[in-house]
Amino acid sequence: MKTNFFNRFAQPLHRKKLRFWRWFRTIPIVVVSILCVISVFFASMPEQLQRTFLYPVKYPEIITQAASKYGVEETLICAIIKTESNWDENAKSSAGAEGLMQMMPATAQEIAQRGLVYASRYSPTNLFDARTNIMYGTAYLSYLQKNLSSLKETIAAYNAGPNAIDAWSTSSSSAKKTFEEKIDYPETKAYLKKVMDAYSHYNQLYPDGING
């Protein structure tokens, strides 16, 4: 009688657990499906809507001026801003990076000391000002471009610093690896991918320049 009593109530509970786990396993499938639908939706959006909602350009005249002064592509500056702050001039990271291009105050001070930006006109302590921040961020990109050998190295160095790039490039264990494979920091790998994706979209959406 005891066996029959327990079996009578255990079996429905067992079936409930099975139903729960079957339902629980469907969650990732549902999430992936939703993400696919969203991706298809955004990919099929008219270019003007993508420019407005996904890849906007704020301060185009300032960016054009900085790009011309320092020899950096406008679309690269836009991609960095999109990834770093999503165009929020008041953004501040937990590490202390400030403004549109998330410049560290110490880096801005060093750029000013090197004479790459005129501190008398653009104070390195005023990084929440859009023009000042873009000038310092673009000057830093220009410095990295001149001292590194590729676009991807420049972008990665903007996130991890040029010393990290040197260490990855000179490592004997990474001689046969691609640059992406040499990157030791997961954050920098993800950052490089995001910036390159944004850079590609900005080039596609603004073929006649960001002021067009």
C-alpha atoms as a PDB file:
ATOM      1  CA  MET A   1       0.000   0.000   0.000  1.00  0.00           C
ATOM      2  CA  LYS A   2       2.847   2.413   0.767  1.00  0.00           C
ATOM      3  CA  THR A   3       4.337   1.892  -2.682  1.00  0.00           C
ATOM      4  CA  ASN A   4       1.049   2.570  -4.390  1.00  0.00           C
ATOM      5  CA  PHE A   5       0.442   5.629  -2.237  1.00  0.00           C
ATOM      6  CA  PHE A   6       3.789   7.271  -3.038  1.00  0.00           C
ATOM      7  CA  ASN A   7       3.772   6.307  -6.698  1.00  0.00           C
ATOM      8  CA  ARG A   8       0.347   7.821  -7.145  1.00  0.00           C
ATOM      9  CA  PHE A   9       1.596  11.270  -6.113  1.00  0.00           C
ATOM     10  CA  ALA A  10       5.211  11.087  -7.317  1.00  0.00           C
ATOM     11  CA  GLN A  11       4.405  10.504 -10.955  1.00  0.00           C
ATOM     12  CA  PRO A  12       2.480  13.762 -11.535  1.00  0.00           C
ATOM     13  CA  LEU A  13       5.307  15.682  -9.809  1.00  0.00           C
ATOM     14  CA  HIS A  14       7.820  14.005 -12.091  1.00  0.00           C
ATOM     15  CA  ARG A  15       5.788  14.998 -15.126  1.00  0.00           C
ATOM     16  CA  LYS A  16       5.612  18.583 -13.854  1.00  0.00           C
ATOM     17  CA  LYS A  17       9.411  18.697 -13.613  1.00  0.00           C
ATOM     18  CA  LEU A  18       9.738  17.370 -17.141  1.00  0.00           C
ATOM     19  CA  ARG A  19       7.327  19.990 -18.426  1.00  0.00           C
ATOM     20  CA  PHE A  20       9.262  22.698 -16.580  1.00  0.00           C
ATOM     21  CA  TRP A  21      12.613  21.680 -18.044  1.00  0.00           C
ATOM     22  CA  ARG A  22      11.164  21.382 -21.522  1.00  0.00           C
ATOM     23  CA  TRP A  23       9.753  24.865 -21.184  1.00  0.00           C
ATOM     24  CA  PHE A  24      12.991  26.184 -19.678  1.00  0.00           C
ATOM     25  CA  ARG A  25      15.060  24.818 -22.571  1.00  0.00           C
ATOM     26  CA  THR A  26      12.925  26.696 -25.066  1.00  0.00           C
ATOM     27  CA  ILE A  27      13.902  30.083 -23.595  1.00  0.00           C
ATOM     28  CA  PRO A  28      17.283  30.328 -25.431  1.00  0.00           C
ATOM     29  CA  ILE A  29      15.582  29.322 -28.666  1.00  0.00           C
ATOM     30  CA  VAL A  30      12.949  32.016 -28.225  1.00  0.00           C
ATOM     31  CA  VAL A  31      15.569  34.646 -27.358  1.00  0.00           C
ATOM     32  CA  VAL A  32      17.696  33.763 -30.399  1.00  0.00           C
ATOM     33  CA  SER A  33      14.613  33.887 -32.617  1.00  0.00           C
ATOM     34  CA  ILE A  34      13.666  37.325 -31.307  1.00  0.00           C
ATOM     35  CA  LEU A  35      17.212  38.609 -31.860  1.00  0.00           C
ATOM     36  CA  CYS A  36      17.165  37.275 -35.413  1.00  0.00           C
ATOM     37  CA  VAL A  37      13.880  39.055 -36.106  1.00  0.00           C
ATOM     38  CA  ILE A  38      15.287  42.293 -34.653  1.00  0.00           C
ATOM     39  CA  SER A  39      18.454  41.966 -36.745  1.00  0.00           C
ATOM     40  CA  VAL A  40      16.456  41.388 -39.925  1.00  0.00           C
ATOM     41  CA  PHE A  41      14.230  44.351 -39.062  1.00  0.00           C
ATOM     42  CA  PHE A  42      17.165  46.710 -38.540  1.00  0.00           C
ATOM     43  CA  ALA A  43      18.949  45.397 -41.622  1.00  0.00           C
ATOM     44  CA  SER A  44      15.879  46.118 -43.744  1.00  0.00           C
ATOM     45  CA  MET A  45      15.322  49.603 -42.333  1.00  0.00           C
ATOM     46  CA  PRO A  46      15.600  52.401 -44.891  1.00  0.00           C
ATOM     47  CA  GLU A  47      18.979  54.121 -44.776  1.00  0.00           C
ATOM     48  CA  GLN A  48      17.510  57.388 -43.535  1.00  0.00           C
ATOM     49  CA  LEU A  49      15.980  55.642 -40.515  1.00  0.00           C
ATOM     50  CA  GLN A  50      19.279  53.899 -39.799  1.00  0.00           C
ATOM     51  CA  ARG A  51      21.047  57.247 -39.947  1.00  0.00           C
ATOM     52  CA  THR A  52      18.505  58.764 -37.589  1.00  0.00           C
ATOM     53  CA  PHE A  53      18.132  56.018 -34.995  1.00  0.00           C
ATOM     54  CA  LEU A  54      21.113  53.661 -35.232  1.00  0.00           C
ATOM     55  CA  TYR A  55      24.061  55.599 -36.623  1.00  0.00           C
ATOM     56  CA  PRO A  56      23.432  59.301 -36.164  1.00  0.00           C
ATOM     57  CA  VAL A  57      26.034  62.046 -36.444  1.00  0.00           C
ATOM     58  CA  LYS A  58      26.103  64.907 -33.990  1.00  0.00           C
ATOM     59  CA  TYR A  59      28.521  67.847 -34.245  1.00  0.00           C
ATOM     60  CA  PRO A  60      29.392  67.127 -37.916  1.00  0.00           C
ATOM     61  CA  GLU A  61      31.202  70.439 -38.404  1.00  0.00           C
ATOM     62  CA  ILE A  62      33.432  69.853 -35.373  1.00  0.00           C
ATOM     63  CA  ILE A  63      34.200  66.296 -36.490  1.00  0.00           C
ATOM     64  CA  THR A  64      35.013  67.463 -40.024  1.00  0.00           C
ATOM     65  CA  GLN A  65      37.326  70.144 -38.637  1.00  0.00           C
ATOM     66  CA  ALA A  66      39.115  67.688 -36.340  1.00  0.00           C
ATOM     67  CA  ALA A  67      39.371  65.066 -39.090  1.00  0.00           C
ATOM     68  CA  SER A  68      40.956  67.552 -41.462  1.00  0.00           C
ATOM     69  CA  LYS A  69      43.357  68.914 -38.840  1.00  0.00           C
ATOM     70  CA  TYR A  70      44.638  65.545 -37.651  1.00  0.00           C
ATOM     71  CA  GLY A  71      44.270  63.381 -40.770  1.00  0.00           C
ATOM     72  CA  VAL A  72      41.740  60.954 -39.325  1.00  0.00           C
ATOM     73  CA  GLU A  73      38.681  59.669 -41.193  1.00  0.00           C
ATOM     74  CA  GLU A  74      35.400  61.275 -40.183  1.00  0.00           C
ATOM     75  CA  THR A  75      33.683  57.899 -40.137  1.00  0.00           C
ATOM     76  CA  LEU A  76      36.321  56.469 -37.783  1.00  0.00           C
ATOM     77  CA  ILE A  77      35.751  59.331 -35.345  1.00  0.00           C
ATOM     78  CA  CYS A  78      31.998  58.704 -35.555  1.00  0.00           C
ATOM     79  CA  ALA A  79      32.481  54.968 -34.970  1.00  0.00           C
ATOM     80  CA  ILE A  80      34.614  55.622 -31.882  1.00  0.00           C
ATOM     81  CA  ILE A  81      32.054  58.078 -30.471  1.00  0.00           C
ATOM     82  CA  LYS A  82      29.176  55.685 -31.203  1.00  0.00           C
ATOM     83  CA  THR A  83      30.952  52.851 -29.393  1.00  0.00           C
ATOM     84  CA  GLU A  84      32.412  54.860 -26.526  1.00  0.00           C
ATOM     85  CA  SER A  85      29.483  57.040 -25.450  1.00  0.00           C
ATOM     86  CA  ASN A  86      26.668  56.598 -27.992  1.00  0.00           C
ATOM     87  CA  TRP A  87      26.895  60.348 -28.583  1.00  0.00           C
ATOM     88  CA  ASP A  88      26.404  61.332 -24.937  1.00  0.00           C
ATOM     89  CA  GLU A  89      28.695  64.302 -24.288  1.00  0.00           C
ATOM     90  CA  ASN A  90      28.088  63.972 -20.533  1.00  0.00           C
ATOM     91  CA  ALA A  91      29.090  60.308 -20.327  1.00  0.00           C
ATOM     92  CA  LYS A  92      31.550  59.300 -17.623  1.00  0.00           C
ATOM     93  CA  SER A  93      32.861  55.790 -17.087  1.00  0.00           C
ATOM     94  CA  SER A  94      33.607  54.080 -13.791  1.00  0.00           C
ATOM     95  CA  ALA A  95      37.307  54.402 -14.669  1.00  0.00           C
ATOM     96  CA  GLY A  96      36.954  58.182 -15.055  1.00  0.00           C
ATOM     97  CA  ALA A  97      36.874  58.504 -18.863  1.00  0.00           C
ATOM     98  CA  GLU A  98      34.895  61.561 -19.911  1.00  0.00           C
ATOM     99  CA  GLY A  99      32.743  62.857 -22.738  1.00  0.00           C
ATOM    100  CA  LEU A 100      31.953  61.803 -26.280  1.00  0.00           C
ATOM    101  CA  MET A 101      35.196  59.961 -26.996  1.00  0.00           C
ATOM    102  CA  GLN A 102      35.657  58.871 -23.371  1.00  0.00           C
ATOM    103  CA  MET A 103      39.021  60.533 -22.909  1.00  0.00           C
ATOM    104  CA  MET A 104      40.925  59.925 -19.697  1.00  0.00           C
ATOM    105  CA  PRO A 105      41.974  63.256 -18.132  1.00  0.00           C
ATOM    106  CA  ALA A 106      45.549  61.994 -17.740  1.00  0.00           C
ATOM    107  CA  THR A 107      45.712  61.093 -21.448  1.00  0.00           C
ATOM    108  CA  ALA A 108      44.352  64.512 -22.389  1.00  0.00           C
ATOM    109  CA  GLN A 109      47.001  66.163 -20.199  1.00  0.00           C
ATOM    110  CA  GLU A 110      49.740  64.181 -21.933  1.00  0.00           C
ATOM    111  CA  ILE A 111      48.373  65.085 -25.364  1.00  0.00           C
ATOM    112  CA  ALA A 112      48.399  68.753 -24.377  1.00  0.00           C
ATOM    113  CA  GLN A 113      51.957  68.486 -23.037  1.00  0.00           C
ATOM    114  CA  ARG A 114      53.094  66.979 -26.335  1.00  0.00           C
ATOM    115  CA  GLY A 115      51.610  69.991 -28.120  1.00  0.00           C
ATOM    116  CA  LEU A 116      49.171  67.916 -30.148  1.00  0.00           C
ATOM    117  CA  VAL A 117      46.285  70.085 -28.947  1.00  0.00           C
ATOM    118  CA  TYR A 118      46.612  73.720 -27.897  1.00  0.00           C
ATOM    119  CA  ALA A 119      45.716  73.671 -24.209  1.00  0.00           C
ATOM    120  CA  SER A 120      45.291  77.435 -24.208  1.00  0.00           C
ATOM    121  CA  ARG A 121      42.355  77.004 -26.568  1.00  0.00           C
ATOM    122  CA  TYR A 122      41.121  73.556 -25.540  1.00  0.00           C
ATOM    123  CA  SER A 123      41.647  72.889 -21.853  1.00  0.00           C
ATOM    124  CA  PRO A 124      42.292  69.207 -21.002  1.00  0.00           C
ATOM    125  CA  THR A 125      40.136  69.738 -17.927  1.00  0.00           C
ATOM    126  CA  ASN A 126      37.092  70.577 -20.071  1.00  0.00           C
ATOM    127  CA  LEU A 127      36.443  67.171 -21.622  1.00  0.00           C
ATOM    128  CA  PHE A 128      32.662  67.355 -21.275  1.00  0.00           C
ATOM    129  CA  ASP A 129      32.707  70.105 -23.881  1.00  0.00           C
ATOM    130  CA  ALA A 130      31.985  68.436 -27.238  1.00  0.00           C
ATOM    131  CA  ARG A 131      34.511  70.402 -29.307  1.00  0.00           C
ATOM    132  CA  THR A 132      37.284  69.977 -26.750  1.00  0.00           C
ATOM    133  CA  ASN A 133      36.639  66.265 -26.352  1.00  0.00           C
ATOM    134  CA  ILE A 134      36.567  65.600 -30.090  1.00  0.00           C
ATOM    135  CA  MET A 135      39.807  67.513 -30.585  1.00  0.00           C
ATOM    136  CA  TYR A 136      41.620  65.507 -27.918  1.00  0.00           C
ATOM    137  CA  GLY A 137      40.119  62.188 -28.989  1.00  0.00           C
ATOM    138  CA  THR A 138      40.987  62.787 -32.640  1.00  0.00           C
ATOM    139  CA  ALA A 139      44.500  63.974 -31.792  1.00  0.00           C
ATOM    140  CA  TYR A 140      45.005  60.743 -29.846  1.00  0.00           C
ATOM    141  CA  LEU A 141      43.703  58.647 -32.748  1.00  0.00           C
ATOM    142  CA  SER A 142      46.088  60.486 -35.059  1.00  0.00           C
ATOM    143  CA  TYR A 143      49.004  59.786 -32.723  1.00  0.00           C
ATOM    144  CA  LEU A 144      48.112  56.086 -32.606  1.00  0.00           C
ATOM    145  CA  GLN A 145      47.710  55.908 -36.393  1.00  0.00           C
ATOM    146  CA  LYS A 146      51.186  57.322 -36.932  1.00  0.00           C
ATOM    147  CA  ASN A 147      52.796  54.905 -34.493  1.00  0.00           C
ATOM    148  CA  LEU A 148      50.956  51.697 -35.339  1.00  0.00           C
ATOM    149  CA  SER A 149      50.733  49.682 -38.535  1.00  0.00           C
ATOM    150  CA  SER A 150      47.011  49.126 -39.105  1.00  0.00           C
ATOM    151  CA  LEU A 151      43.527  50.439 -38.519  1.00  0.00           C
ATOM    152  CA  LYS A 152      42.692  47.524 -36.228  1.00  0.00           C
ATOM    153  CA  GLU A 153      45.780  48.156 -34.113  1.00  0.00           C
ATOM    154  CA  THR A 154      44.815  51.822 -33.828  1.00  0.00           C
ATOM    155  CA  ILE A 155      41.291  50.976 -32.677  1.00  0.00           C
ATOM    156  CA  ALA A 156      42.483  48.347 -30.194  1.00  0.00           C
ATOM    157  CA  ALA A 157      45.114  50.734 -28.819  1.00  0.00           C
ATOM    158  CA  TYR A 158      42.451  53.383 -28.250  1.00  0.00           C
ATOM    159  CA  ASN A 159      40.852  50.928 -25.826  1.00  0.00           C
ATOM    160  CA  ALA A 160      43.829  49.064 -24.353  1.00  0.00           C
ATOM    161  CA  GLY A 161      46.699  51.505 -24.853  1.00  0.00           C
ATOM    162  CA  PRO A 162      49.681  51.330 -27.233  1.00  0.00           C
ATOM    163  CA  ASN A 163      51.830  49.379 -24.750  1.00  0.00           C
ATOM    164  CA  ALA A 164      49.398  46.459 -24.941  1.00  0.00           C
ATOM    165  CA  ILE A 165      49.668  46.433 -28.741  1.00  0.00           C
ATOM    166  CA  ASP A 166      53.465  46.320 -28.509  1.00  0.00           C
ATOM    167  CA  ALA A 167      53.305  43.414 -26.060  1.00  0.00           C
ATOM    168  CA  TRP A 168      50.911  41.421 -28.250  1.00  0.00           C
ATOM    169  CA  SER A 169      52.912  42.122 -31.411  1.00  0.00           C
ATOM    170  CA  THR A 170      56.263  41.084 -29.947  1.00  0.00           C
ATOM    171  CA  SER A 171      55.038  37.981 -28.131  1.00  0.00           C
ATOM    172  CA  SER A 172      56.849  34.898 -29.442  1.00  0.00           C
ATOM    173  CA  SER A 173      53.785  32.719 -28.835  1.00  0.00           C
ATOM    174  CA  SER A 174      51.614  34.778 -31.207  1.00  0.00           C
ATOM    175  CA  ALA A 175      53.813  34.871 -34.299  1.00  0.00           C
ATOM    176  CA  LYS A 176      51.366  32.945 -36.503  1.00  0.00           C
ATOM    177  CA  LYS A 177      48.178  34.401 -35.081  1.00  0.00           C
ATOM    178  CA  THR A 178      45.985  37.059 -36.642  1.00  0.00           C
ATOM    179  CA  PHE A 179      45.872  40.395 -34.860  1.00  0.00           C
ATOM    180  CA  GLU A 180      42.478  39.597 -33.332  1.00  0.00           C
ATOM    181  CA  GLU A 181      43.858  36.316 -31.995  1.00  0.00           C
ATOM    182  CA  LYS A 182      46.783  38.124 -30.381  1.00  0.00           C
ATOM    183  CA  ILE A 183      44.504  40.316 -28.244  1.00  0.00           C
ATOM    184  CA  ASP A 184      44.539  39.049 -24.668  1.00  0.00           C
ATOM    185  CA  TYR A 185      41.768  41.275 -23.337  1.00  0.00           C
ATOM    186  CA  PRO A 186      38.188  40.052 -24.006  1.00  0.00           C
ATOM    187  CA  GLU A 187      36.963  43.631 -23.571  1.00  0.00           C
ATOM    188  CA  THR A 188      39.324  44.862 -26.288  1.00  0.00           C
ATOM    189  CA  LYS A 189      38.305  42.053 -28.652  1.00  0.00           C
ATOM    190  CA  ALA A 190      34.648  43.000 -28.214  1.00  0.00           C
ATOM    191  CA  TYR A 191      35.507  46.701 -28.531  1.00  0.00           C
ATOM    192  CA  LEU A 192      37.388  46.182 -31.800  1.00  0.00           C
ATOM    193  CA  LYS A 193      34.461  44.269 -33.262  1.00  0.00           C
ATOM    194  CA  LYS A 194      31.952  46.950 -32.231  1.00  0.00           C
ATOM    195  CA  VAL A 195      34.024  49.811 -33.635  1.00  0.00           C
ATOM    196  CA  MET A 196      34.740  48.004 -36.908  1.00  0.00           C
ATOM    197  CA  ASP A 197      31.019  47.251 -37.291  1.00  0.00           C
ATOM    198  CA  ALA A 198      30.084  50.883 -36.619  1.00  0.00           C
ATOM    199  CA  TYR A 199      32.862  52.084 -38.946  1.00  0.00           C
ATOM    200  CA  SER A 200      31.496  49.889 -41.745  1.00  0.00           C
ATOM    201  CA  HIS A 201      27.955  51.196 -41.231  1.00  0.00           C
ATOM    202  CA  TYR A 202      29.051  54.841 -41.152  1.00  0.00           C
ATOM    203  CA  ASN A 203      30.969  54.379 -44.409  1.00  0.00           C
ATOM    204  CA  GLN A 204      27.952  52.714 -45.972  1.00  0.00           C
ATOM    205  CA  LEU A 205      25.371  55.220 -44.729  1.00  0.00           C
ATOM    206  CA  TYR A 206      27.413  58.385 -45.366  1.00  0.00           C
ATOM    207  CA  PRO A 207      29.136  57.784 -48.737  1.00  0.00           C
ATOM    208  CA  ASP A 208      29.185  61.533 -49.476  1.00  0.00           C
ATOM    209  CA  GLY A 209      30.527  62.541 -46.071  1.00  0.00           C
ATOM    210  CA  ILE A 210      28.856  63.148 -42.724  1.00  0.00           C
ATOM    211  CA  ASN A 211      27.733  66.626 -43.766  1.00  0.00           C
ATOM    212  CA  GLY A 212      25.901  65.281 -46.816  1.00  0.00           C
END
